[in-house]
Amino acid sequence: MAIIITEDCINCGACETECPNTAIYEGADDWRFKDGTSLDGQIILPNGKQVMADEPQIPISDEFYFIVPDKCTECKGFHEEPQCAAVCPVDCCVPDKANVETEDVLLGKKRFMHPDD
């Protein structure tokens, strides 16, 4: 299950630097699959979606920080718990019930984005 940032976000930015996948972005910012990963060129995501890793993507939120579900691994393979949730001062980084994934799927995404780790 990916993590989502709720509308209770105070835009402090504490979570952004903690993400090992660079899956967290400031509201209204374009994002890329290549940011903070080993992804490059045309890629096929584990979910089958085909994208260009360096192509800017539309922000998920214009108002507050957001987490890209296709890049979120809940910090599996890096840390014992999601670091965004651990540092959030208002507890707005919570499990995204719309993106439930098994530990194996999350670890597979981690290996896909960081094959050399």
PDB file of N, CA and C in Angstrom:
ATOM      1  N   MET A   1       0.860  -1.170   0.000  1.00  0.00           N
ATOM      2  CA  MET A   1       0.000   0.000   0.000  1.00  0.00           C
ATOM      3  C   MET A   1       0.900   1.225   0.000  1.00  0.00           C
ATOM      4  N   ALA A   2       0.651   2.116  -0.910  1.00  0.00           N
ATOM      5  CA  ALA A   2       1.399   3.366  -0.946  1.00  0.00           C
ATOM      6  C   ALA A   2       0.932   4.270   0.200  1.00  0.00           C
ATOM      7  N   ILE A   3       1.677   5.310   0.419  1.00  0.00           N
ATOM      8  CA  ILE A   3       1.319   6.314   1.421  1.00  0.00           C
ATOM      9  C   ILE A   3       0.721   7.502   0.681  1.00  0.00           C
ATOM     10  N   ILE A   4      -0.209   8.179   1.313  1.00  0.00           N
ATOM     11  CA  ILE A   4      -0.821   9.372   0.745  1.00  0.00           C
ATOM     12  C   ILE A   4      -0.702  10.506   1.761  1.00  0.00           C
ATOM     13  N   ILE A   5      -0.615  11.722   1.273  1.00  0.00           N
ATOM     14  CA  ILE A   5      -0.592  12.890   2.151  1.00  0.00           C
ATOM     15  C   ILE A   5      -1.984  13.497   2.127  1.00  0.00           C
ATOM     16  N   THR A   6      -2.582  13.634   3.288  1.00  0.00           N
ATOM     17  CA  THR A   6      -3.945  14.142   3.375  1.00  0.00           C
ATOM     18  C   THR A   6      -3.981  15.664   3.290  1.00  0.00           C
ATOM     19  N   GLU A   7      -5.189  16.188   3.202  1.00  0.00           N
ATOM     20  CA  GLU A   7      -5.373  17.639   3.117  1.00  0.00           C
ATOM     21  C   GLU A   7      -5.023  18.352   4.418  1.00  0.00           C
ATOM     22  N   ASP A   8      -4.681  17.608   5.461  1.00  0.00           N
ATOM     23  CA  ASP A   8      -4.234  18.205   6.717  1.00  0.00           C
ATOM     24  C   ASP A   8      -2.781  18.688   6.641  1.00  0.00           C
ATOM     25  N   CYS A   9      -2.118  18.426   5.509  1.00  0.00           N
ATOM     26  CA  CYS A   9      -0.721  18.818   5.314  1.00  0.00           C
ATOM     27  C   CYS A   9      -0.545  20.323   5.541  1.00  0.00           C
ATOM     28  N   ILE A  10       0.507  20.675   6.285  1.00  0.00           N
ATOM     29  CA  ILE A  10       0.801  22.090   6.549  1.00  0.00           C
ATOM     30  C   ILE A  10       1.938  22.600   5.660  1.00  0.00           C
ATOM     31  N   ASN A  11       2.326  21.782   4.669  1.00  0.00           N
ATOM     32  CA  ASN A  11       3.368  22.154   3.706  1.00  0.00           C
ATOM     33  C   ASN A  11       4.708  22.495   4.357  1.00  0.00           C
ATOM     34  N   CYS A  12       5.072  21.752   5.387  1.00  0.00           N
ATOM     35  CA  CYS A  12       6.345  22.011   6.065  1.00  0.00           C
ATOM     36  C   CYS A  12       7.535  21.447   5.291  1.00  0.00           C
ATOM     37  N   GLY A  13       7.304  20.415   4.464  1.00  0.00           N
ATOM     38  CA  GLY A  13       8.373  19.832   3.669  1.00  0.00           C
ATOM     39  C   GLY A  13       9.245  18.825   4.383  1.00  0.00           C
ATOM     40  N   ALA A  14       8.939  18.503   5.629  1.00  0.00           N
ATOM     41  CA  ALA A  14       9.775  17.564   6.389  1.00  0.00           C
ATOM     42  C   ALA A  14       9.863  16.199   5.709  1.00  0.00           C
ATOM     43  N   CYS A  15       8.805  15.789   5.061  1.00  0.00           N
ATOM     44  CA  CYS A  15       8.738  14.465   4.448  1.00  0.00           C
ATOM     45  C   CYS A  15       9.572  14.350   3.167  1.00  0.00           C
ATOM     46  N   GLU A  16       9.636  15.414   2.418  1.00  0.00           N
ATOM     47  CA  GLU A  16      10.226  15.371   1.077  1.00  0.00           C
ATOM     48  C   GLU A  16      11.656  14.835   1.074  1.00  0.00           C
ATOM     49  N   THR A  17      12.496  15.328   1.948  1.00  0.00           N
ATOM     50  CA  THR A  17      13.897  14.909   1.958  1.00  0.00           C
ATOM     51  C   THR A  17      14.108  13.524   2.539  1.00  0.00           C
ATOM     52  N   GLU A  18      13.112  12.989   3.219  1.00  0.00           N
ATOM     53  CA  GLU A  18      13.237  11.668   3.840  1.00  0.00           C
ATOM     54  C   GLU A  18      12.956  10.516   2.873  1.00  0.00           C
ATOM     55  N   CYS A  19      12.329  10.801   1.743  1.00  0.00           N
ATOM     56  CA  CYS A  19      11.898   9.748   0.824  1.00  0.00           C
ATOM     57  C   CYS A  19      13.069   9.183   0.019  1.00  0.00           C
ATOM     58  N   PRO A  20      13.362   7.889   0.156  1.00  0.00           N
ATOM     59  CA  PRO A  20      14.485   7.299  -0.579  1.00  0.00           C
ATOM     60  C   PRO A  20      14.213   7.125  -2.071  1.00  0.00           C
ATOM     61  N   ASN A  21      12.963   7.287  -2.486  1.00  0.00           N
ATOM     62  CA  ASN A  21      12.595   7.125  -3.891  1.00  0.00           C
ATOM     63  C   ASN A  21      12.304   8.449  -4.589  1.00  0.00           C
ATOM     64  N   THR A  22      12.450   9.552  -3.862  1.00  0.00           N
ATOM     65  CA  THR A  22      12.062  10.863  -4.382  1.00  0.00           C
ATOM     66  C   THR A  22      10.639  10.764  -4.946  1.00  0.00           C
ATOM     67  N   ALA A  23       9.730  10.241  -4.144  1.00  0.00           N
ATOM     68  CA  ALA A  23       8.323  10.092  -4.542  1.00  0.00           C
ATOM     69  C   ALA A  23       7.464  11.219  -3.998  1.00  0.00           C
ATOM     70  N   ILE A  24       8.049  12.120  -3.215  1.00  0.00           N
ATOM     71  CA  ILE A  24       7.290  13.208  -2.591  1.00  0.00           C
ATOM     72  C   ILE A  24       7.691  14.529  -3.236  1.00  0.00           C
ATOM     73  N   TYR A  25       6.671  15.289  -3.612  1.00  0.00           N
ATOM     74  CA  TYR A  25       6.895  16.565  -4.290  1.00  0.00           C
ATOM     75  C   TYR A  25       6.032  17.651  -3.669  1.00  0.00           C
ATOM     76  N   GLU A  26       6.515  18.879  -3.785  1.00  0.00           N
ATOM     77  CA  GLU A  26       5.752  20.023  -3.312  1.00  0.00           C
ATOM     78  C   GLU A  26       4.554  20.241  -4.238  1.00  0.00           C
ATOM     79  N   GLY A  27       3.446  20.667  -3.665  1.00  0.00           N
ATOM     80  CA  GLY A  27       2.243  20.915  -4.439  1.00  0.00           C
ATOM     81  C   GLY A  27       2.510  21.779  -5.657  1.00  0.00           C
ATOM     82  N   ALA A  28       1.897  21.429  -6.773  1.00  0.00           N
ATOM     83  CA  ALA A  28       1.986  22.128  -8.053  1.00  0.00           C
ATOM     84  C   ALA A  28       3.301  21.875  -8.798  1.00  0.00           C
ATOM     85  N   ASP A  29       4.230  21.122  -8.231  1.00  0.00           N
ATOM     86  CA  ASP A  29       5.488  20.822  -8.922  1.00  0.00           C
ATOM     87  C   ASP A  29       5.317  19.654  -9.888  1.00  0.00           C
ATOM     88  N   ASP A  30       5.873  19.804 -11.096  1.00  0.00           N
ATOM     89  CA  ASP A  30       5.963  18.677 -12.004  1.00  0.00           C
ATOM     90  C   ASP A  30       6.907  17.654 -11.378  1.00  0.00           C
ATOM     91  N   TRP A  31       6.748  16.406 -11.754  1.00  0.00           N
ATOM     92  CA  TRP A  31       7.624  15.358 -11.236  1.00  0.00           C
ATOM     93  C   TRP A  31       8.016  14.442 -12.386  1.00  0.00           C
ATOM     94  N   ARG A  32       9.074  13.656 -12.153  1.00  0.00           N
ATOM     95  CA  ARG A  32       9.565  12.719 -13.161  1.00  0.00           C
ATOM     96  C   ARG A  32       9.875  11.378 -12.505  1.00  0.00           C
ATOM     97  N   PHE A  33       9.693  10.314 -13.274  1.00  0.00           N
ATOM     98  CA  PHE A  33      10.028   8.990 -12.761  1.00  0.00           C
ATOM     99  C   PHE A  33      11.528   8.861 -12.510  1.00  0.00           C
ATOM    100  N   LYS A  34      12.353   9.581 -13.265  1.00  0.00           N
ATOM    101  CA  LYS A  34      13.806   9.461 -13.100  1.00  0.00           C
ATOM    102  C   LYS A  34      14.317  10.127 -11.824  1.00  0.00           C
ATOM    103  N   ASP A  35      13.562  11.075 -11.274  1.00  0.00           N
ATOM    104  CA  ASP A  35      14.012  11.799 -10.077  1.00  0.00           C
ATOM    105  C   ASP A  35      14.358  10.826  -8.946  1.00  0.00           C
ATOM    106  N   GLY A  36      15.612  10.829  -8.545  1.00  0.00           N
ATOM    107  CA  GLY A  36      16.048  10.020  -7.410  1.00  0.00           C
ATOM    108  C   GLY A  36      16.084   8.524  -7.651  1.00  0.00           C
ATOM    109  N   THR A  37      15.988   8.093  -8.921  1.00  0.00           N
ATOM    110  CA  THR A  37      15.997   6.662  -9.242  1.00  0.00           C
ATOM    111  C   THR A  37      17.046   6.387 -10.311  1.00  0.00           C
ATOM    112  N   SER A  38      17.163   5.127 -10.706  1.00  0.00           N
ATOM    113  CA  SER A  38      18.062   4.742 -11.799  1.00  0.00           C
ATOM    114  C   SER A  38      17.326   4.692 -13.134  1.00  0.00           C
ATOM    115  N   LEU A  39      16.069   5.091 -13.160  1.00  0.00           N
ATOM    116  CA  LEU A  39      15.257   5.001 -14.372  1.00  0.00           C
ATOM    117  C   LEU A  39      15.706   6.025 -15.401  1.00  0.00           C
ATOM    118  N   ASP A  40      15.690   5.595 -16.677  1.00  0.00           N
ATOM    119  CA  ASP A  40      16.132   6.474 -17.758  1.00  0.00           C
ATOM    120  C   ASP A  40      15.461   6.045 -19.060  1.00  0.00           C
ATOM    121  N   GLY A  41      15.168   7.017 -19.905  1.00  0.00           N
ATOM    122  CA  GLY A  41      14.587   6.718 -21.206  1.00  0.00           C
ATOM    123  C   GLY A  41      13.169   6.176 -21.110  1.00  0.00           C
ATOM    124  N   GLN A  42      12.781   5.410 -22.121  1.00  0.00           N
ATOM    125  CA  GLN A  42      11.450   4.816 -22.133  1.00  0.00           C
ATOM    126  C   GLN A  42      11.440   3.598 -21.217  1.00  0.00           C
ATOM    127  N   ILE A  43      10.466   3.555 -20.312  1.00  0.00           N
ATOM    128  CA  ILE A  43      10.383   2.465 -19.340  1.00  0.00           C
ATOM    129  C   ILE A  43       8.975   1.887 -19.309  1.00  0.00           C
ATOM    130  N   ILE A  44       8.881   0.665 -18.855  1.00  0.00           N
ATOM    131  CA  ILE A  44       7.592   0.041 -18.585  1.00  0.00           C
ATOM    132  C   ILE A  44       7.547  -0.214 -17.087  1.00  0.00           C
ATOM    133  N   LEU A  45       6.629   0.470 -16.417  1.00  0.00           N
ATOM    134  CA  LEU A  45       6.498   0.344 -14.966  1.00  0.00           C
ATOM    135  C   LEU A  45       6.029  -1.059 -14.591  1.00  0.00           C
ATOM    136  N   PRO A  46       6.269  -1.467 -13.352  1.00  0.00           N
ATOM    137  CA  PRO A  46       5.800  -2.788 -12.915  1.00  0.00           C
ATOM    138  C   PRO A  46       4.294  -3.003 -13.126  1.00  0.00           C
ATOM    139  N   ASN A  47       3.524  -1.918 -13.157  1.00  0.00           N
ATOM    140  CA  ASN A  47       2.079  -2.052 -13.376  1.00  0.00           C
ATOM    141  C   ASN A  47       1.719  -2.120 -14.860  1.00  0.00           C
ATOM    142  N   GLY A  48       2.743  -2.088 -15.755  1.00  0.00           N
ATOM    143  CA  GLY A  48       2.523  -2.205 -17.189  1.00  0.00           C
ATOM    144  C   GLY A  48       2.428  -0.886 -17.932  1.00  0.00           C
ATOM    145  N   LYS A  49       2.346   0.208 -17.227  1.00  0.00           N
ATOM    146  CA  LYS A  49       2.258   1.523 -17.854  1.00  0.00           C
ATOM    147  C   LYS A  49       3.597   1.880 -18.502  1.00  0.00           C
ATOM    148  N   GLN A  50       3.557   2.404 -19.738  1.00  0.00           N
ATOM    149  CA  GLN A  50       4.767   2.790 -20.455  1.00  0.00           C
ATOM    150  C   GLN A  50       4.902   4.306 -20.418  1.00  0.00           C
ATOM    151  N   VAL A  51       6.074   4.799 -19.990  1.00  0.00           N
ATOM    152  CA  VAL A  51       6.332   6.236 -19.870  1.00  0.00           C
ATOM    153  C   VAL A  51       7.784   6.540 -20.197  1.00  0.00           C
ATOM    154  N   MET A  52       8.051   7.813 -20.416  1.00  0.00           N
ATOM    155  CA  MET A  52       9.425   8.290 -20.551  1.00  0.00           C
ATOM    156  C   MET A  52       9.864   8.750 -19.158  1.00  0.00           C
ATOM    157  N   ALA A  53      10.965   8.219 -18.664  1.00  0.00           N
ATOM    158  CA  ALA A  53      11.407   8.498 -17.297  1.00  0.00           C
ATOM    159  C   ALA A  53      11.706   9.970 -17.057  1.00  0.00           C
ATOM    160  N   ASP A  54      12.172  10.666 -18.087  1.00  0.00           N
ATOM    161  CA  ASP A  54      12.550  12.063 -17.897  1.00  0.00           C
ATOM    162  C   ASP A  54      11.461  13.054 -18.317  1.00  0.00           C
ATOM    163  N   GLU A  55      10.294  12.558 -18.682  1.00  0.00           N
ATOM    164  CA  GLU A  55       9.189  13.433 -19.095  1.00  0.00           C
ATOM    165  C   GLU A  55       8.454  13.991 -17.877  1.00  0.00           C
ATOM    166  N   PRO A  56       8.250  15.304 -17.840  1.00  0.00           N
ATOM    167  CA  PRO A  56       7.522  15.892 -16.703  1.00  0.00           C
ATOM    168  C   PRO A  56       6.099  15.341 -16.625  1.00  0.00           C
ATOM    169  N   GLN A  57       5.680  15.035 -15.414  1.00  0.00           N
ATOM    170  CA  GLN A  57       4.332  14.520 -15.148  1.00  0.00           C
ATOM    171  C   GLN A  57       3.514  15.599 -14.440  1.00  0.00           C
ATOM    172  N   ILE A  58       2.216  15.535 -14.604  1.00  0.00           N
ATOM    173  CA  ILE A  58       1.314  16.517 -14.000  1.00  0.00           C
ATOM    174  C   ILE A  58       1.283  16.337 -12.482  1.00  0.00           C
ATOM    175  N   PRO A  59       1.352  17.429 -11.721  1.00  0.00           N
ATOM    176  CA  PRO A  59       1.278  17.321 -10.258  1.00  0.00           C
ATOM    177  C   PRO A  59      -0.021  16.641  -9.810  1.00  0.00           C
ATOM    178  N   ILE A  60       0.074  15.868  -8.766  1.00  0.00           N
ATOM    179  CA  ILE A  60      -1.097  15.189  -8.215  1.00  0.00           C
ATOM    180  C   ILE A  60      -1.916  16.160  -7.364  1.00  0.00           C
ATOM    181  N   SER A  61      -1.268  17.152  -6.793  1.00  0.00           N
ATOM    182  CA  SER A  61      -1.946  18.168  -5.986  1.00  0.00           C
ATOM    183  C   SER A  61      -1.357  19.536  -6.307  1.00  0.00           C
ATOM    184  N   ASP A  62      -2.203  20.526  -6.340  1.00  0.00           N
ATOM    185  CA  ASP A  62      -1.739  21.898  -6.523  1.00  0.00           C
ATOM    186  C   ASP A  62      -1.646  22.634  -5.190  1.00  0.00           C
ATOM    187  N   GLU A  63      -2.190  22.029  -4.131  1.00  0.00           N
ATOM    188  CA  GLU A  63      -2.325  22.720  -2.851  1.00  0.00           C
ATOM    189  C   GLU A  63      -1.307  22.314  -1.795  1.00  0.00           C
ATOM    190  N   PHE A  64      -0.948  21.023  -1.764  1.00  0.00           N
ATOM    191  CA  PHE A  64      -0.040  20.562  -0.717  1.00  0.00           C
ATOM    192  C   PHE A  64       0.855  19.448  -1.261  1.00  0.00           C
ATOM    193  N   TYR A  65       1.856  19.081  -0.472  1.00  0.00           N
ATOM    194  CA  TYR A  65       2.782  18.023  -0.870  1.00  0.00           C
ATOM    195  C   TYR A  65       2.004  16.777  -1.262  1.00  0.00           C
ATOM    196  N   PHE A  66       2.581  16.012  -2.194  1.00  0.00           N
ATOM    197  CA  PHE A  66       1.925  14.779  -2.633  1.00  0.00           C
ATOM    198  C   PHE A  66       2.954  13.681  -2.826  1.00  0.00           C
ATOM    199  N   ILE A  67       2.468  12.442  -2.799  1.00  0.00           N
ATOM    200  CA  ILE A  67       3.305  11.261  -2.995  1.00  0.00           C
ATOM    201  C   ILE A  67       2.847  10.579  -4.281  1.00  0.00           C
ATOM    202  N   VAL A  68       3.796  10.251  -5.148  1.00  0.00           N
ATOM    203  CA  VAL A  68       3.500   9.551  -6.391  1.00  0.00           C
ATOM    204  C   VAL A  68       3.370   8.061  -6.066  1.00  0.00           C
ATOM    205  N   PRO A  69       2.177   7.494  -6.208  1.00  0.00           N
ATOM    206  CA  PRO A  69       1.978   6.084  -5.836  1.00  0.00           C
ATOM    207  C   PRO A  69       2.879   5.116  -6.598  1.00  0.00           C
ATOM    208  N   ASP A  70       3.154   5.400  -7.883  1.00  0.00           N
ATOM    209  CA  ASP A  70       4.000   4.498  -8.671  1.00  0.00           C
ATOM    210  C   ASP A  70       5.454   4.507  -8.217  1.00  0.00           C
ATOM    211  N   LYS A  71       5.853   5.493  -7.405  1.00  0.00           N
ATOM    212  CA  LYS A  71       7.220   5.550  -6.894  1.00  0.00           C
ATOM    213  C   LYS A  71       7.313   5.193  -5.409  1.00  0.00           C
ATOM    214  N   CYS A  72       6.194   5.163  -4.715  1.00  0.00           N
ATOM    215  CA  CYS A  72       6.196   4.898  -3.271  1.00  0.00           C
ATOM    216  C   CYS A  72       6.327   3.405  -2.993  1.00  0.00           C
ATOM    217  N   THR A  73       7.290   3.070  -2.138  1.00  0.00           N
ATOM    218  CA  THR A  73       7.493   1.684  -1.714  1.00  0.00           C
ATOM    219  C   THR A  73       7.310   1.530  -0.201  1.00  0.00           C
ATOM    220  N   GLU A  74       6.737   2.546   0.421  1.00  0.00           N
ATOM    221  CA  GLU A  74       6.611   2.575   1.892  1.00  0.00           C
ATOM    222  C   GLU A  74       7.960   2.401   2.568  1.00  0.00           C
ATOM    223  N   CYS A  75       9.021   2.763   1.861  1.00  0.00           N
ATOM    224  CA  CYS A  75      10.408   2.657   2.338  1.00  0.00           C
ATOM    225  C   CYS A  75      10.872   1.203   2.495  1.00  0.00           C
ATOM    226  N   LYS A  76      10.114   0.239   1.951  1.00  0.00           N
ATOM    227  CA  LYS A  76      10.532  -1.173   2.007  1.00  0.00           C
ATOM    228  C   LYS A  76      11.872  -1.316   1.307  1.00  0.00           C
ATOM    229  N   GLY A  77      12.777  -2.048   1.936  1.00  0.00           N
ATOM    230  CA  GLY A  77      14.110  -2.229   1.397  1.00  0.00           C
ATOM    231  C   GLY A  77      15.085  -1.135   1.806  1.00  0.00           C
ATOM    232  N   PHE A  78      14.570  -0.098   2.451  1.00  0.00           N
ATOM    233  CA  PHE A  78      15.403   1.006   2.925  1.00  0.00           C
ATOM    234  C   PHE A  78      15.311   1.160   4.447  1.00  0.00           C
ATOM    235  N   HIS A  79      14.085   1.191   4.970  1.00  0.00           N
ATOM    236  CA  HIS A  79      13.832   1.463   6.381  1.00  0.00           C
ATOM    237  C   HIS A  79      12.743   0.536   6.921  1.00  0.00           C
ATOM    238  N   GLU A  80      12.628   0.479   8.214  1.00  0.00           N
ATOM    239  CA  GLU A  80      11.627  -0.359   8.875  1.00  0.00           C
ATOM    240  C   GLU A  80      10.206   0.199   8.778  1.00  0.00           C
ATOM    241  N   GLU A  81      10.096   1.518   8.582  1.00  0.00           N
ATOM    242  CA  GLU A  81       8.791   2.164   8.500  1.00  0.00           C
ATOM    243  C   GLU A  81       8.853   3.309   7.501  1.00  0.00           C
ATOM    244  N   PRO A  82       7.713   3.728   6.977  1.00  0.00           N
ATOM    245  CA  PRO A  82       7.708   4.868   6.059  1.00  0.00           C
ATOM    246  C   PRO A  82       8.256   6.119   6.755  1.00  0.00           C
ATOM    247  N   GLN A  83       9.301   6.659   6.190  1.00  0.00           N
ATOM    248  CA  GLN A  83       9.966   7.801   6.819  1.00  0.00           C
ATOM    249  C   GLN A  83       9.132   9.074   6.769  1.00  0.00           C
ATOM    250  N   CYS A  84       8.304   9.222   5.742  1.00  0.00           N
ATOM    251  CA  CYS A  84       7.446  10.414   5.670  1.00  0.00           C
ATOM    252  C   CYS A  84       6.505  10.457   6.872  1.00  0.00           C
ATOM    253  N   ALA A  85       5.910   9.310   7.189  1.00  0.00           N
ATOM    254  CA  ALA A  85       4.996   9.233   8.332  1.00  0.00           C
ATOM    255  C   ALA A  85       5.740   9.446   9.647  1.00  0.00           C
ATOM    256  N   ALA A  86       6.977   8.948   9.714  1.00  0.00           N
ATOM    257  CA  ALA A  86       7.759   9.059  10.944  1.00  0.00           C
ATOM    258  C   ALA A  86       8.115  10.510  11.280  1.00  0.00           C
ATOM    259  N   VAL A  87       8.319  11.354  10.253  1.00  0.00           N
ATOM    260  CA  VAL A  87       8.741  12.730  10.517  1.00  0.00           C
ATOM    261  C   VAL A  87       7.605  13.752  10.427  1.00  0.00           C
ATOM    262  N   CYS A  88       6.443  13.350   9.974  1.00  0.00           N
ATOM    263  CA  CYS A  88       5.341  14.304   9.778  1.00  0.00           C
ATOM    264  C   CYS A  88       4.836  14.841  11.120  1.00  0.00           C
ATOM    265  N   PRO A  89       4.880  16.162  11.312  1.00  0.00           N
ATOM    266  CA  PRO A  89       4.451  16.730  12.594  1.00  0.00           C
ATOM    267  C   PRO A  89       2.936  16.749  12.807  1.00  0.00           C
ATOM    268  N   VAL A  90       2.165  16.516  11.735  1.00  0.00           N
ATOM    269  CA  VAL A  90       0.701  16.547  11.873  1.00  0.00           C
ATOM    270  C   VAL A  90       0.054  15.210  11.491  1.00  0.00           C
ATOM    271  N   ASP A  91       0.858  14.183  11.350  1.00  0.00           N
ATOM    272  CA  ASP A  91       0.369  12.829  11.045  1.00  0.00           C
ATOM    273  C   ASP A  91      -0.538  12.777   9.820  1.00  0.00           C
ATOM    274  N   CYS A  92      -0.125  13.453   8.736  1.00  0.00           N
ATOM    275  CA  CYS A  92      -0.955  13.445   7.528  1.00  0.00           C
ATOM    276  C   CYS A  92      -0.425  12.486   6.452  1.00  0.00           C
ATOM    277  N   CYS A  93       0.647  11.764   6.726  1.00  0.00           N
ATOM    278  CA  CYS A  93       1.150  10.742   5.805  1.00  0.00           C
ATOM    279  C   CYS A  93       0.589   9.402   6.284  1.00  0.00           C
ATOM    280  N   VAL A  94      -0.414   8.916   5.560  1.00  0.00           N
ATOM    281  CA  VAL A  94      -1.158   7.730   5.997  1.00  0.00           C
ATOM    282  C   VAL A  94      -1.243   6.717   4.859  1.00  0.00           C
ATOM    283  N   PRO A  95      -1.554   5.449   5.180  1.00  0.00           N
ATOM    284  CA  PRO A  95      -1.719   4.446   4.120  1.00  0.00           C
ATOM    285  C   PRO A  95      -2.823   4.858   3.142  1.00  0.00           C
ATOM    286  N   ASP A  96      -2.540   4.651   1.868  1.00  0.00           N
ATOM    287  CA  ASP A  96      -3.485   4.972   0.798  1.00  0.00           C
ATOM    288  C   ASP A  96      -4.313   3.728   0.485  1.00  0.00           C
ATOM    289  N   LYS A  97      -5.523   3.701   0.974  1.00  0.00           N
ATOM    290  CA  LYS A  97      -6.383   2.525   0.791  1.00  0.00           C
ATOM    291  C   LYS A  97      -6.752   2.287  -0.666  1.00  0.00           C
ATOM    292  N   ALA A  98      -6.547   3.277  -1.525  1.00  0.00           N
ATOM    293  CA  ALA A  98      -6.814   3.120  -2.955  1.00  0.00           C
ATOM    294  C   ALA A  98      -5.638   2.473  -3.689  1.00  0.00           C
ATOM    295  N   ASN A  99      -4.498   2.318  -3.008  1.00  0.00           N
ATOM    296  CA  ASN A  99      -3.296   1.730  -3.610  1.00  0.00           C
ATOM    297  C   ASN A  99      -2.696   0.678  -2.688  1.00  0.00           C
ATOM    298  N   VAL A 100      -3.415  -0.388  -2.483  1.00  0.00           N
ATOM    299  CA  VAL A 100      -2.960  -1.471  -1.609  1.00  0.00           C
ATOM    300  C   VAL A 100      -2.013  -2.383  -2.385  1.00  0.00           C
ATOM    301  N   GLU A 101      -0.821  -2.598  -1.831  1.00  0.00           N
ATOM    302  CA  GLU A 101       0.181  -3.452  -2.462  1.00  0.00           C
ATOM    303  C   GLU A 101       0.831  -4.349  -1.413  1.00  0.00           C
ATOM    304  N   THR A 102       1.223  -5.540  -1.818  1.00  0.00           N
ATOM    305  CA  THR A 102       1.889  -6.465  -0.911  1.00  0.00           C
ATOM    306  C   THR A 102       3.338  -6.035  -0.713  1.00  0.00           C
ATOM    307  N   GLU A 103       3.969  -6.587   0.296  1.00  0.00           N
ATOM    308  CA  GLU A 103       5.384  -6.306   0.532  1.00  0.00           C
ATOM    309  C   GLU A 103       6.225  -6.738  -0.667  1.00  0.00           C
ATOM    310  N   ASP A 104       5.886  -7.879  -1.285  1.00  0.00           N
ATOM    311  CA  ASP A 104       6.625  -8.337  -2.462  1.00  0.00           C
ATOM    312  C   ASP A 104       6.524  -7.337  -3.609  1.00  0.00           C
ATOM    313  N   VAL A 105       5.349  -6.767  -3.825  1.00  0.00           N
ATOM    314  CA  VAL A 105       5.161  -5.773  -4.880  1.00  0.00           C
ATOM    315  C   VAL A 105       5.971  -4.524  -4.571  1.00  0.00           C
ATOM    316  N   LEU A 106       5.925  -4.080  -3.315  1.00  0.00           N
ATOM    317  CA  LEU A 106       6.678  -2.887  -2.921  1.00  0.00           C
ATOM    318  C   LEU A 106       8.178  -3.102  -3.093  1.00  0.00           C
ATOM    319  N   LEU A 107       8.672  -4.270  -2.703  1.00  0.00           N
ATOM    320  CA  LEU A 107      10.096  -4.567  -2.872  1.00  0.00           C
ATOM    321  C   LEU A 107      10.460  -4.687  -4.350  1.00  0.00           C
ATOM    322  N   GLY A 108       9.531  -5.189  -5.162  1.00  0.00           N
ATOM    323  CA  GLY A 108       9.750  -5.251  -6.605  1.00  0.00           C
ATOM    324  C   GLY A 108       9.874  -3.862  -7.211  1.00  0.00           C
ATOM    325  N   LYS A 109       9.040  -2.923  -6.759  1.00  0.00           N
ATOM    326  CA  LYS A 109       9.144  -1.541  -7.224  1.00  0.00           C
ATOM    327  C   LYS A 109      10.488  -0.944  -6.810  1.00  0.00           C
ATOM    328  N   LYS A 110      10.917  -1.248  -5.607  1.00  0.00           N
ATOM    329  CA  LYS A 110      12.214  -0.744  -5.122  1.00  0.00           C
ATOM    330  C   LYS A 110      13.337  -1.259  -6.014  1.00  0.00           C
ATOM    331  N   ARG A 111      13.318  -2.561  -6.322  1.00  0.00           N
ATOM    332  CA  ARG A 111      14.364  -3.147  -7.189  1.00  0.00           C
ATOM    333  C   ARG A 111      14.301  -2.561  -8.605  1.00  0.00           C
ATOM    334  N   PHE A 112      13.106  -2.270  -9.101  1.00  0.00           N
ATOM    335  CA  PHE A 112      12.927  -1.688 -10.415  1.00  0.00           C
ATOM    336  C   PHE A 112      13.546  -0.283 -10.476  1.00  0.00           C
ATOM    337  N   MET A 113      13.325   0.514  -9.452  1.00  0.00           N
ATOM    338  CA  MET A 113      13.843   1.884  -9.438  1.00  0.00           C
ATOM    339  C   MET A 113      15.304   1.982  -9.043  1.00  0.00           C
ATOM    340  N   HIS A 114      15.799   1.002  -8.260  1.00  0.00           N
ATOM    341  CA  HIS A 114      17.168   1.035  -7.730  1.00  0.00           C
ATOM    342  C   HIS A 114      17.809  -0.350  -7.906  1.00  0.00           C
ATOM    343  N   PRO A 115      18.048  -0.780  -9.147  1.00  0.00           N
ATOM    344  CA  PRO A 115      18.554  -2.139  -9.371  1.00  0.00           C
ATOM    345  C   PRO A 115      19.943  -2.394  -8.807  1.00  0.00           C
ATOM    346  N   ASP A 116      20.714  -1.365  -8.596  1.00  0.00           N
ATOM    347  CA  ASP A 116      22.094  -1.547  -8.113  1.00  0.00           C
ATOM    348  C   ASP A 116      22.214  -1.545  -6.594  1.00  0.00           C
ATOM    349  N   ASP A 117      21.097  -1.317  -5.901  1.00  0.00           N
ATOM    350  CA  ASP A 117      21.156  -1.285  -4.423  1.00  0.00           C
ATOM    351  C   ASP A 117      21.126  -2.684  -3.843  1.00  0.00           C
TER     352      ASP A 117
END
